[in-house]
């Protein structure tokens, strides 16, 4: 059933966005280090890593504790999250303006 849903989804995407599908085994391979439009990719993960690894982690429990603390700090930083959300909108608009092409230089 899962495979059928995936096939139907891919057919839907190919129908509505012909020639634009990027995937591992598709007509266009997803490029390495692609500038995704997700704020997680270019904002939150780096922020999380900085908070977690600001001091050397020694134990697994310490790592888990730091990850949870960092997640709470990020969750409670509304202004920074709003800036990240605004950045997503700017990146999406630049991507559309570039016709789905390279847009990083326009930011």
PDB file of N, CA and C in Angstrom:
ATOM      1  N   UNK A   1       0.823  -1.195   0.000  1.00  0.00           N
ATOM      2  CA  UNK A   1       0.000   0.000   0.000  1.00  0.00           C
ATOM      3  C   UNK A   1       0.868   1.261   0.000  1.00  0.00           C
ATOM      4  N   UNK A   2       1.958   1.237   0.813  1.00  0.00           N
ATOM      5  CA  UNK A   2       2.844   2.385   0.893  1.00  0.00           C
ATOM      6  C   UNK A   2       3.492   2.668  -0.459  1.00  0.00           C
ATOM      7  N   UNK A   3       3.908   1.598  -1.152  1.00  0.00           N
ATOM      8  CA  UNK A   3       4.515   1.766  -2.476  1.00  0.00           C
ATOM      9  C   UNK A   3       3.526   2.354  -3.474  1.00  0.00           C
ATOM     10  N   UNK A   4       2.285   1.912  -3.406  1.00  0.00           N
ATOM     11  CA  UNK A   4       1.255   2.426  -4.305  1.00  0.00           C
ATOM     12  C   UNK A   4       1.026   3.915  -4.059  1.00  0.00           C
ATOM     13  N   UNK A   5       0.980   4.318  -2.795  1.00  0.00           N
ATOM     14  CA  UNK A   5       0.803   5.734  -2.471  1.00  0.00           C
ATOM     15  C   UNK A   5       1.974   6.564  -2.982  1.00  0.00           C
ATOM     16  N   UNK A   6       3.174   6.040  -2.848  1.00  0.00           N
ATOM     17  CA  UNK A   6       4.352   6.742  -3.347  1.00  0.00           C
ATOM     18  C   UNK A   6       4.285   6.895  -4.864  1.00  0.00           C
ATOM     19  N   UNK A   7       3.906   5.846  -5.560  1.00  0.00           N
ATOM     20  CA  UNK A   7       3.784   5.900  -7.022  1.00  0.00           C
ATOM     21  C   UNK A   7       2.735   6.923  -7.430  1.00  0.00           C
ATOM     22  N   UNK A   8       1.593   6.911  -6.754  1.00  0.00           N
ATOM     23  CA  UNK A   8       0.529   7.874  -7.073  1.00  0.00           C
ATOM     24  C   UNK A   8       0.986   9.301  -6.801  1.00  0.00           C
ATOM     25  N   UNK A   9       1.701   9.474  -5.707  1.00  0.00           N
ATOM     26  CA  UNK A   9       2.216  10.806  -5.385  1.00  0.00           C
ATOM     27  C   UNK A   9       3.190  11.275  -6.468  1.00  0.00           C
ATOM     28  N   UNK A  10       4.095  10.406  -6.883  1.00  0.00           N
ATOM     29  CA  UNK A  10       5.071  10.768  -7.906  1.00  0.00           C
ATOM     30  C   UNK A  10       4.386  11.097  -9.230  1.00  0.00           C
ATOM     31  N   UNK A  11       3.354  10.333  -9.581  1.00  0.00           N
ATOM     32  CA  UNK A  11       2.612  10.618 -10.814  1.00  0.00           C
ATOM     33  C   UNK A  11       1.931  11.979 -10.728  1.00  0.00           C
ATOM     34  N   UNK A  12       1.361  12.283  -9.559  1.00  0.00           N
ATOM     35  CA  UNK A  12       0.713  13.577  -9.347  1.00  0.00           C
ATOM     36  C   UNK A  12       1.723  14.708  -9.519  1.00  0.00           C
ATOM     37  N   UNK A  13       2.876  14.581  -8.855  1.00  0.00           N
ATOM     38  CA  UNK A  13       3.900  15.624  -8.927  1.00  0.00           C
ATOM     39  C   UNK A  13       4.412  15.768 -10.361  1.00  0.00           C
ATOM     40  N   UNK A  14       4.686  14.662 -11.034  1.00  0.00           N
ATOM     41  CA  UNK A  14       5.161  14.721 -12.422  1.00  0.00           C
ATOM     42  C   UNK A  14       4.125  15.342 -13.349  1.00  0.00           C
ATOM     43  N   UNK A  15       2.848  15.083 -13.091  1.00  0.00           N
ATOM     44  CA  UNK A  15       1.783  15.649 -13.934  1.00  0.00           C
ATOM     45  C   UNK A  15       1.715  17.168 -13.758  1.00  0.00           C
ATOM     46  N   UNK A  16       1.759  17.621 -12.501  1.00  0.00           N
ATOM     47  CA  UNK A  16       1.608  19.045 -12.217  1.00  0.00           C
ATOM     48  C   UNK A  16       2.903  19.842 -12.383  1.00  0.00           C
ATOM     49  N   UNK A  17       4.044  19.178 -12.279  1.00  0.00           N
ATOM     50  CA  UNK A  17       5.343  19.843 -12.401  1.00  0.00           C
ATOM     51  C   UNK A  17       6.241  19.039 -13.335  1.00  0.00           C
ATOM     52  N   UNK A  18       5.874  18.950 -14.619  1.00  0.00           N
ATOM     53  CA  UNK A  18       6.638  18.102 -15.537  1.00  0.00           C
ATOM     54  C   UNK A  18       8.088  18.573 -15.683  1.00  0.00           C
ATOM     55  N   UNK A  19       8.997  17.604 -15.609  1.00  0.00           N
ATOM     56  CA  UNK A  19      10.408  17.895 -15.806  1.00  0.00           C
ATOM     57  C   UNK A  19      11.083  18.608 -14.653  1.00  0.00           C
ATOM     58  N   UNK A  20      10.377  18.765 -13.537  1.00  0.00           N
ATOM     59  CA  UNK A  20      10.961  19.498 -12.411  1.00  0.00           C
ATOM     60  C   UNK A  20      11.179  18.644 -11.173  1.00  0.00           C
ATOM     61  N   UNK A  21      10.913  17.379 -11.242  1.00  0.00           N
ATOM     62  CA  UNK A  21      11.011  16.517 -10.072  1.00  0.00           C
ATOM     63  C   UNK A  21      12.449  16.122  -9.825  1.00  0.00           C
ATOM     64  N   UNK A  22      12.930  16.425  -8.647  1.00  0.00           N
ATOM     65  CA  UNK A  22      14.266  16.038  -8.231  1.00  0.00           C
ATOM     66  C   UNK A  22      14.123  14.925  -7.201  1.00  0.00           C
ATOM     67  N   UNK A  23      14.808  13.835  -7.421  1.00  0.00           N
ATOM     68  CA  UNK A  23      14.754  12.722  -6.484  1.00  0.00           C
ATOM     69  C   UNK A  23      15.980  11.842  -6.692  1.00  0.00           C
ATOM     70  N   UNK A  24      16.147  10.888  -5.801  1.00  0.00           N
ATOM     71  CA  UNK A  24      17.328  10.026  -5.880  1.00  0.00           C
ATOM     72  C   UNK A  24      17.387   9.227  -7.172  1.00  0.00           C
ATOM     73  N   UNK A  25      16.281   8.663  -7.599  1.00  0.00           N
ATOM     74  CA  UNK A  25      16.288   7.786  -8.772  1.00  0.00           C
ATOM     75  C   UNK A  25      15.459   8.348  -9.914  1.00  0.00           C
ATOM     76  N   UNK A  26      15.150   9.611  -9.888  1.00  0.00           N
ATOM     77  CA  UNK A  26      14.293  10.206 -10.903  1.00  0.00           C
ATOM     78  C   UNK A  26      15.085  10.783 -12.058  1.00  0.00           C
ATOM     79  N   UNK A  27      14.387  11.526 -12.919  1.00  0.00           N
ATOM     80  CA  UNK A  27      15.032  12.096 -14.098  1.00  0.00           C
ATOM     81  C   UNK A  27      16.080  13.157 -13.738  1.00  0.00           C
ATOM     82  N   UNK A  28      15.910  13.815 -12.626  1.00  0.00           N
ATOM     83  CA  UNK A  28      16.866  14.816 -12.156  1.00  0.00           C
ATOM     84  C   UNK A  28      17.302  14.412 -10.757  1.00  0.00           C
ATOM     85  N   UNK A  29      18.576  14.174 -10.578  1.00  0.00           N
ATOM     86  CA  UNK A  29      19.065  13.789  -9.262  1.00  0.00           C
ATOM     87  C   UNK A  29      19.181  15.018  -8.368  1.00  0.00           C
ATOM     88  N   UNK A  30      18.807  14.863  -7.103  1.00  0.00           N
ATOM     89  CA  UNK A  30      18.895  15.954  -6.144  1.00  0.00           C
ATOM     90  C   UNK A  30      20.360  16.323  -5.978  1.00  0.00           C
ATOM     91  N   UNK A  31      20.726  17.579  -6.230  1.00  0.00           N
ATOM     92  CA  UNK A  31      22.137  17.954  -6.169  1.00  0.00           C
ATOM     93  C   UNK A  31      22.689  17.917  -4.746  1.00  0.00           C
ATOM     94  N   UNK A  32      23.957  17.581  -4.639  1.00  0.00           N
ATOM     95  CA  UNK A  32      24.615  17.582  -3.330  1.00  0.00           C
ATOM     96  C   UNK A  32      24.642  18.996  -2.777  1.00  0.00           C
ATOM     97  N   UNK A  33      24.426  19.130  -1.494  1.00  0.00           N
ATOM     98  CA  UNK A  33      24.430  20.428  -0.807  1.00  0.00           C
ATOM     99  C   UNK A  33      23.448  21.401  -1.442  1.00  0.00           C
ATOM    100  N   UNK A  34      22.286  20.914  -1.791  1.00  0.00           N
ATOM    101  CA  UNK A  34      21.266  21.751  -2.407  1.00  0.00           C
ATOM    102  C   UNK A  34      20.748  22.784  -1.413  1.00  0.00           C
ATOM    103  N   UNK A  35      20.572  24.025  -1.834  1.00  0.00           N
ATOM    104  CA  UNK A  35      20.040  25.053  -0.938  1.00  0.00           C
ATOM    105  C   UNK A  35      18.530  24.893  -0.789  1.00  0.00           C
ATOM    106  N   UNK A  36      18.119  24.036   0.107  1.00  0.00           N
ATOM    107  CA  UNK A  36      16.699  23.800   0.320  1.00  0.00           C
ATOM    108  C   UNK A  36      16.009  25.050   0.833  1.00  0.00           C
ATOM    109  N   UNK A  37      14.710  25.063   0.707  1.00  0.00           N
ATOM    110  CA  UNK A  37      13.927  26.200   1.156  1.00  0.00           C
ATOM    111  C   UNK A  37      13.491  26.077   2.607  1.00  0.00           C
ATOM    112  N   UNK A  38      13.963  25.085   3.292  1.00  0.00           N
ATOM    113  CA  UNK A  38      13.555  24.852   4.672  1.00  0.00           C
ATOM    114  C   UNK A  38      14.421  25.640   5.646  1.00  0.00           C
ATOM    115  N   UNK A  39      13.778  26.381   6.542  1.00  0.00           N
ATOM    116  CA  UNK A  39      14.542  27.137   7.535  1.00  0.00           C
ATOM    117  C   UNK A  39      15.300  26.203   8.464  1.00  0.00           C
ATOM    118  N   UNK A  40      14.848  24.956   8.582  1.00  0.00           N
ATOM    119  CA  UNK A  40      15.599  23.994   9.393  1.00  0.00           C
ATOM    120  C   UNK A  40      16.984  23.775   8.812  1.00  0.00           C
ATOM    121  N   UNK A  41      17.063  23.710   7.485  1.00  0.00           N
ATOM    122  CA  UNK A  41      18.336  23.423   6.833  1.00  0.00           C
ATOM    123  C   UNK A  41      19.353  24.531   6.991  1.00  0.00           C
ATOM    124  N   UNK A  42      18.943  25.768   6.908  1.00  0.00           N
ATOM    125  CA  UNK A  42      19.929  26.835   6.916  1.00  0.00           C
ATOM    126  C   UNK A  42      19.869  27.724   8.148  1.00  0.00           C
ATOM    127  N   UNK A  43      19.017  27.405   9.096  1.00  0.00           N
ATOM    128  CA  UNK A  43      18.914  28.237  10.289  1.00  0.00           C
ATOM    129  C   UNK A  43      18.903  27.411  11.569  1.00  0.00           C
ATOM    130  N   UNK A  44      17.874  26.618  11.752  1.00  0.00           N
ATOM    131  CA  UNK A  44      17.630  25.976  13.039  1.00  0.00           C
ATOM    132  C   UNK A  44      18.674  24.915  13.376  1.00  0.00           C
ATOM    133  N   UNK A  45      19.088  24.081  12.405  1.00  0.00           N
ATOM    134  CA  UNK A  45      20.057  23.029  12.734  1.00  0.00           C
ATOM    135  C   UNK A  45      21.390  23.622  13.155  1.00  0.00           C
ATOM    136  N   UNK A  46      21.829  24.668  12.497  1.00  0.00           N
ATOM    137  CA  UNK A  46      23.072  25.318  12.893  1.00  0.00           C
ATOM    138  C   UNK A  46      22.965  25.941  14.277  1.00  0.00           C
ATOM    139  N   UNK A  47      21.839  26.547  14.546  1.00  0.00           N
ATOM    140  CA  UNK A  47      21.571  27.148  15.844  1.00  0.00           C
ATOM    141  C   UNK A  47      21.571  26.064  16.922  1.00  0.00           C
ATOM    142  N   UNK A  48      20.882  24.956  16.644  1.00  0.00           N
ATOM    143  CA  UNK A  48      20.820  23.834  17.587  1.00  0.00           C
ATOM    144  C   UNK A  48      22.228  23.289  17.843  1.00  0.00           C
ATOM    145  N   UNK A  49      22.996  23.092  16.782  1.00  0.00           N
ATOM    146  CA  UNK A  49      24.350  22.555  16.927  1.00  0.00           C
ATOM    147  C   UNK A  49      25.222  23.474  17.784  1.00  0.00           C
ATOM    148  N   UNK A  50      25.089  24.774  17.552  1.00  0.00           N
ATOM    149  CA  UNK A  50      25.856  25.738  18.335  1.00  0.00           C
ATOM    150  C   UNK A  50      25.491  25.661  19.821  1.00  0.00           C
ATOM    151  N   UNK A  51      24.211  25.561  20.127  1.00  0.00           N
ATOM    152  CA  UNK A  51      23.776  25.475  21.522  1.00  0.00           C
ATOM    153  C   UNK A  51      24.227  24.167  22.176  1.00  0.00           C
ATOM    154  N   UNK A  52      24.099  23.079  21.446  1.00  0.00           N
ATOM    155  CA  UNK A  52      24.426  21.760  22.010  1.00  0.00           C
ATOM    156  C   UNK A  52      25.927  21.584  22.193  1.00  0.00           C
ATOM    157  N   UNK A  53      26.720  22.007  21.245  1.00  0.00           N
ATOM    158  CA  UNK A  53      28.154  21.722  21.255  1.00  0.00           C
ATOM    159  C   UNK A  53      29.015  22.920  21.660  1.00  0.00           C
ATOM    160  N   UNK A  54      28.423  23.899  22.354  1.00  0.00           N
ATOM    161  CA  UNK A  54      29.217  25.046  22.804  1.00  0.00           C
ATOM    162  C   UNK A  54      30.307  24.613  23.788  1.00  0.00           C
ATOM    163  N   UNK A  55      30.039  23.528  24.504  1.00  0.00           N
ATOM    164  CA  UNK A  55      31.010  22.908  25.407  1.00  0.00           C
ATOM    165  C   UNK A  55      31.046  21.426  25.044  1.00  0.00           C
ATOM    166  N   UNK A  56      32.204  20.823  25.111  1.00  0.00           N
ATOM    167  CA  UNK A  56      32.352  19.418  24.723  1.00  0.00           C
ATOM    168  C   UNK A  56      31.367  18.521  25.477  1.00  0.00           C
ATOM    169  N   UNK A  57      30.694  17.656  24.737  1.00  0.00           N
ATOM    170  CA  UNK A  57      29.750  16.692  25.309  1.00  0.00           C
ATOM    171  C   UNK A  57      30.525  15.430  25.659  1.00  0.00           C
ATOM    172  N   UNK A  58      30.313  14.921  26.878  1.00  0.00           N
ATOM    173  CA  UNK A  58      31.077  13.767  27.342  1.00  0.00           C
ATOM    174  C   UNK A  58      30.243  12.486  27.316  1.00  0.00           C
ATOM    175  N   UNK A  59      28.991  12.570  27.746  1.00  0.00           N
ATOM    176  CA  UNK A  59      28.174  11.356  27.852  1.00  0.00           C
ATOM    177  C   UNK A  59      26.931  11.452  26.977  1.00  0.00           C
ATOM    178  N   UNK A  60      26.343  10.307  26.729  1.00  0.00           N
ATOM    179  CA  UNK A  60      25.099  10.245  25.947  1.00  0.00           C
ATOM    180  C   UNK A  60      23.981  10.990  26.664  1.00  0.00           C
ATOM    181  N   UNK A  61      23.874  10.815  27.985  1.00  0.00           N
ATOM    182  CA  UNK A  61      22.832  11.497  28.755  1.00  0.00           C
ATOM    183  C   UNK A  61      23.009  13.010  28.711  1.00  0.00           C
ATOM    184  N   UNK A  62      24.254  13.443  28.757  1.00  0.00           N
ATOM    185  CA  UNK A  62      24.527  14.878  28.667  1.00  0.00           C
ATOM    186  C   UNK A  62      24.113  15.415  27.294  1.00  0.00           C
ATOM    187  N   UNK A  63      24.401  14.653  26.251  1.00  0.00           N
ATOM    188  CA  UNK A  63      24.014  15.049  24.900  1.00  0.00           C
ATOM    189  C   UNK A  63      22.499  15.168  24.786  1.00  0.00           C
ATOM    190  N   UNK A  64      21.787  14.166  25.275  1.00  0.00           N
ATOM    191  CA  UNK A  64      20.329  14.202  25.227  1.00  0.00           C
ATOM    192  C   UNK A  64      19.789  15.404  25.996  1.00  0.00           C
ATOM    193  N   UNK A  65      20.334  15.652  27.172  1.00  0.00           N
ATOM    194  CA  UNK A  65      19.895  16.786  27.983  1.00  0.00           C
ATOM    195  C   UNK A  65      20.128  18.106  27.253  1.00  0.00           C
ATOM    196  N   UNK A  66      21.276  18.237  26.622  1.00  0.00           N
ATOM    197  CA  UNK A  66      21.589  19.474  25.886  1.00  0.00           C
ATOM    198  C   UNK A  66      20.685  19.652  24.672  1.00  0.00           C
ATOM    199  N   UNK A  67      20.391  18.564  23.987  1.00  0.00           N
ATOM    200  CA  UNK A  67      19.488  18.649  22.831  1.00  0.00           C
ATOM    201  C   UNK A  67      18.111  19.126  23.278  1.00  0.00           C
ATOM    202  N   UNK A  68      17.599  18.542  24.349  1.00  0.00           N
ATOM    203  CA  UNK A  68      16.279  18.935  24.854  1.00  0.00           C
ATOM    204  C   UNK A  68      16.281  20.384  25.338  1.00  0.00           C
ATOM    205  N   UNK A  69      17.336  20.803  26.032  1.00  0.00           N
ATOM    206  CA  UNK A  69      17.439  22.191  26.487  1.00  0.00           C
ATOM    207  C   UNK A  69      17.516  23.157  25.303  1.00  0.00           C
ATOM    208  N   UNK A  70      18.310  22.789  24.304  1.00  0.00           N
ATOM    209  CA  UNK A  70      18.434  23.638  23.120  1.00  0.00           C
ATOM    210  C   UNK A  70      17.095  23.748  22.394  1.00  0.00           C
ATOM    211  N   UNK A  71      16.368  22.647  22.295  1.00  0.00           N
ATOM    212  CA  UNK A  71      15.057  22.676  21.645  1.00  0.00           C
ATOM    213  C   UNK A  71      14.114  23.608  22.395  1.00  0.00           C
ATOM    214  N   UNK A  72      14.144  23.566  23.721  1.00  0.00           N
ATOM    215  CA  UNK A  72      13.309  24.479  24.516  1.00  0.00           C
ATOM    216  C   UNK A  72      13.711  25.931  24.285  1.00  0.00           C
ATOM    217  N   UNK A  73      15.007  26.198  24.267  1.00  0.00           N
ATOM    218  CA  UNK A  73      15.468  27.574  24.038  1.00  0.00           C
ATOM    219  C   UNK A  73      15.041  28.076  22.666  1.00  0.00           C
ATOM    220  N   UNK A  74      15.170  27.235  21.669  1.00  0.00           N
ATOM    221  CA  UNK A  74      14.768  27.636  20.312  1.00  0.00           C
ATOM    222  C   UNK A  74      13.260  27.849  20.245  1.00  0.00           C
ATOM    223  N   UNK A  75      12.518  26.931  20.824  1.00  0.00           N
ATOM    224  CA  UNK A  75      11.059  27.025  20.829  1.00  0.00           C
ATOM    225  C   UNK A  75      10.581  28.318  21.497  1.00  0.00           C
ATOM    226  N   UNK A  76      11.307  28.780  22.498  1.00  0.00           N
ATOM    227  CA  UNK A  76      10.911  29.973  23.235  1.00  0.00           C
ATOM    228  C   UNK A  76      11.530  31.262  22.701  1.00  0.00           C
ATOM    229  N   UNK A  77      12.218  31.198  21.592  1.00  0.00           N
ATOM    230  CA  UNK A  77      12.840  32.375  20.975  1.00  0.00           C
ATOM    231  C   UNK A  77      11.980  32.843  19.812  1.00  0.00           C
ATOM    232  N   UNK A  78      10.846  33.412  20.112  1.00  0.00           N
ATOM    233  CA  UNK A  78       9.865  33.770  19.090  1.00  0.00           C
ATOM    234  C   UNK A  78      10.403  34.752  18.046  1.00  0.00           C
ATOM    235  N   UNK A  79      11.191  35.732  18.472  1.00  0.00           N
ATOM    236  CA  UNK A  79      11.684  36.714  17.509  1.00  0.00           C
ATOM    237  C   UNK A  79      12.596  36.074  16.472  1.00  0.00           C
ATOM    238  N   UNK A  80      13.491  35.206  16.936  1.00  0.00           N
ATOM    239  CA  UNK A  80      14.400  34.529  15.996  1.00  0.00           C
ATOM    240  C   UNK A  80      13.622  33.593  15.077  1.00  0.00           C
ATOM    241  N   UNK A  81      12.618  32.916  15.606  1.00  0.00           N
ATOM    242  CA  UNK A  81      11.811  32.020  14.777  1.00  0.00           C
ATOM    243  C   UNK A  81      11.011  32.809  13.743  1.00  0.00           C
ATOM    244  N   UNK A  82      10.534  33.995  14.109  1.00  0.00           N
ATOM    245  CA  UNK A  82       9.818  34.836  13.149  1.00  0.00           C
ATOM    246  C   UNK A  82      10.759  35.290  12.036  1.00  0.00           C
ATOM    247  N   UNK A  83      12.005  35.625  12.385  1.00  0.00           N
ATOM    248  CA  UNK A  83      12.976  36.000  11.356  1.00  0.00           C
ATOM    249  C   UNK A  83      13.257  34.834  10.416  1.00  0.00           C
ATOM    250  N   UNK A  84      13.343  33.622  10.973  1.00  0.00           N
ATOM    251  CA  UNK A  84      13.578  32.439  10.133  1.00  0.00           C
ATOM    252  C   UNK A  84      12.398  32.216   9.201  1.00  0.00           C
ATOM    253  N   UNK A  85      11.177  32.395   9.712  1.00  0.00           N
ATOM    254  CA  UNK A  85       9.984  32.237   8.881  1.00  0.00           C
ATOM    255  C   UNK A  85       9.970  33.273   7.761  1.00  0.00           C
ATOM    256  N   UNK A  86      10.321  34.501   8.097  1.00  0.00           N
ATOM    257  CA  UNK A  86      10.384  35.556   7.080  1.00  0.00           C
ATOM    258  C   UNK A  86      11.436  35.217   6.025  1.00  0.00           C
ATOM    259  N   UNK A  87      12.561  34.653   6.473  1.00  0.00           N
ATOM    260  CA  UNK A  87      13.621  34.263   5.541  1.00  0.00           C
ATOM    261  C   UNK A  87      13.142  33.175   4.591  1.00  0.00           C
ATOM    262  N   UNK A  88      12.302  32.250   5.074  1.00  0.00           N
ATOM    263  CA  UNK A  88      11.744  31.201   4.203  1.00  0.00           C
ATOM    264  C   UNK A  88      10.918  31.837   3.094  1.00  0.00           C
ATOM    265  N   UNK A  89      10.106  32.813   3.455  1.00  0.00           N
ATOM    266  CA  UNK A  89       9.285  33.495   2.441  1.00  0.00           C
ATOM    267  C   UNK A  89      10.172  34.193   1.407  1.00  0.00           C
ATOM    268  N   UNK A  90      11.219  34.863   1.868  1.00  0.00           N
ATOM    269  CA  UNK A  90      12.141  35.537   0.941  1.00  0.00           C
ATOM    270  C   UNK A  90      12.824  34.544   0.014  1.00  0.00           C
ATOM    271  N   UNK A  91      13.255  33.412   0.573  1.00  0.00           N
ATOM    272  CA  UNK A  91      13.919  32.393  -0.236  1.00  0.00           C
ATOM    273  C   UNK A  91      12.958  31.792  -1.256  1.00  0.00           C
ATOM    274  N   UNK A  92      11.729  31.541  -0.841  1.00  0.00           N
ATOM    275  CA  UNK A  92      10.735  30.986  -1.769  1.00  0.00           C
ATOM    276  C   UNK A  92      10.453  31.964  -2.902  1.00  0.00           C
ATOM    277  N   UNK A  93      10.318  33.243  -2.578  1.00  0.00           N
ATOM    278  CA  UNK A  93      10.071  34.253  -3.612  1.00  0.00           C
ATOM    279  C   UNK A  93      11.249  34.333  -4.581  1.00  0.00           C
ATOM    280  N   UNK A  94      12.478  34.258  -4.066  1.00  0.00           N
ATOM    281  CA  UNK A  94      13.662  34.292  -4.932  1.00  0.00           C
ATOM    282  C   UNK A  94      13.713  33.057  -5.823  1.00  0.00           C
ATOM    283  N   UNK A  95      13.332  31.901  -5.287  1.00  0.00           N
ATOM    284  CA  UNK A  95      13.309  30.666  -6.064  1.00  0.00           C
ATOM    285  C   UNK A  95      12.296  30.766  -7.199  1.00  0.00           C
ATOM    286  N   UNK A  96      11.117  31.293  -6.889  1.00  0.00           N
ATOM    287  CA  UNK A  96      10.079  31.464  -7.917  1.00  0.00           C
ATOM    288  C   UNK A  96      10.552  32.453  -8.971  1.00  0.00           C
ATOM    289  N   UNK A  97      11.144  33.566  -8.533  1.00  0.00           N
ATOM    290  CA  UNK A  97      11.636  34.575  -9.480  1.00  0.00           C
ATOM    291  C   UNK A  97      12.719  34.011 -10.396  1.00  0.00           C
ATOM    292  N   UNK A  98      13.494  33.059  -9.885  1.00  0.00           N
ATOM    293  CA  UNK A  98      14.560  32.440 -10.685  1.00  0.00           C
ATOM    294  C   UNK A  98      14.041  31.262 -11.508  1.00  0.00           C
ATOM    295  N   UNK A  99      12.735  31.047 -11.482  1.00  0.00           N
ATOM    296  CA  UNK A  99      12.147  29.941 -12.251  1.00  0.00           C
ATOM    297  C   UNK A  99      12.587  28.579 -11.745  1.00  0.00           C
ATOM    298  N   UNK A 100      12.865  28.496 -10.455  1.00  0.00           N
ATOM    299  CA  UNK A 100      13.299  27.232  -9.875  1.00  0.00           C
ATOM    300  C   UNK A 100      14.790  26.981 -10.026  1.00  0.00           C
ATOM    301  N   UNK A 101      15.491  27.937 -10.600  1.00  0.00           N
ATOM    302  CA  UNK A 101      16.928  27.785 -10.788  1.00  0.00           C
ATOM    303  C   UNK A 101      17.712  28.257  -9.579  1.00  0.00           C
ATOM    304  N   UNK A 102      18.953  28.557  -9.781  1.00  0.00           N
ATOM    305  CA  UNK A 102      19.822  29.020  -8.709  1.00  0.00           C
ATOM    306  C   UNK A 102      19.367  30.414  -8.271  1.00  0.00           C
ATOM    307  N   UNK A 103      19.173  30.580  -6.988  1.00  0.00           N
ATOM    308  CA  UNK A 103      18.662  31.857  -6.490  1.00  0.00           C
ATOM    309  C   UNK A 103      19.465  32.408  -5.319  1.00  0.00           C
ATOM    310  N   UNK A 104      20.443  31.647  -4.820  1.00  0.00           N
ATOM    311  CA  UNK A 104      21.198  32.067  -3.647  1.00  0.00           C
ATOM    312  C   UNK A 104      21.857  33.431  -3.852  1.00  0.00           C
ATOM    313  N   UNK A 105      22.306  33.718  -5.060  1.00  0.00           N
ATOM    314  CA  UNK A 105      22.984  34.979  -5.322  1.00  0.00           C
ATOM    315  C   UNK A 105      22.021  36.168  -5.314  1.00  0.00           C
ATOM    316  N   UNK A 106      20.713  35.906  -5.285  1.00  0.00           N
ATOM    317  CA  UNK A 106      19.720  36.978  -5.286  1.00  0.00           C
ATOM    318  C   UNK A 106      19.269  37.348  -3.881  1.00  0.00           C
ATOM    319  N   UNK A 107      19.782  36.666  -2.883  1.00  0.00           N
ATOM    320  CA  UNK A 107      19.361  36.937  -1.506  1.00  0.00           C
ATOM    321  C   UNK A 107      20.225  38.002  -0.868  1.00  0.00           C
TER     322      UNK A 107
END
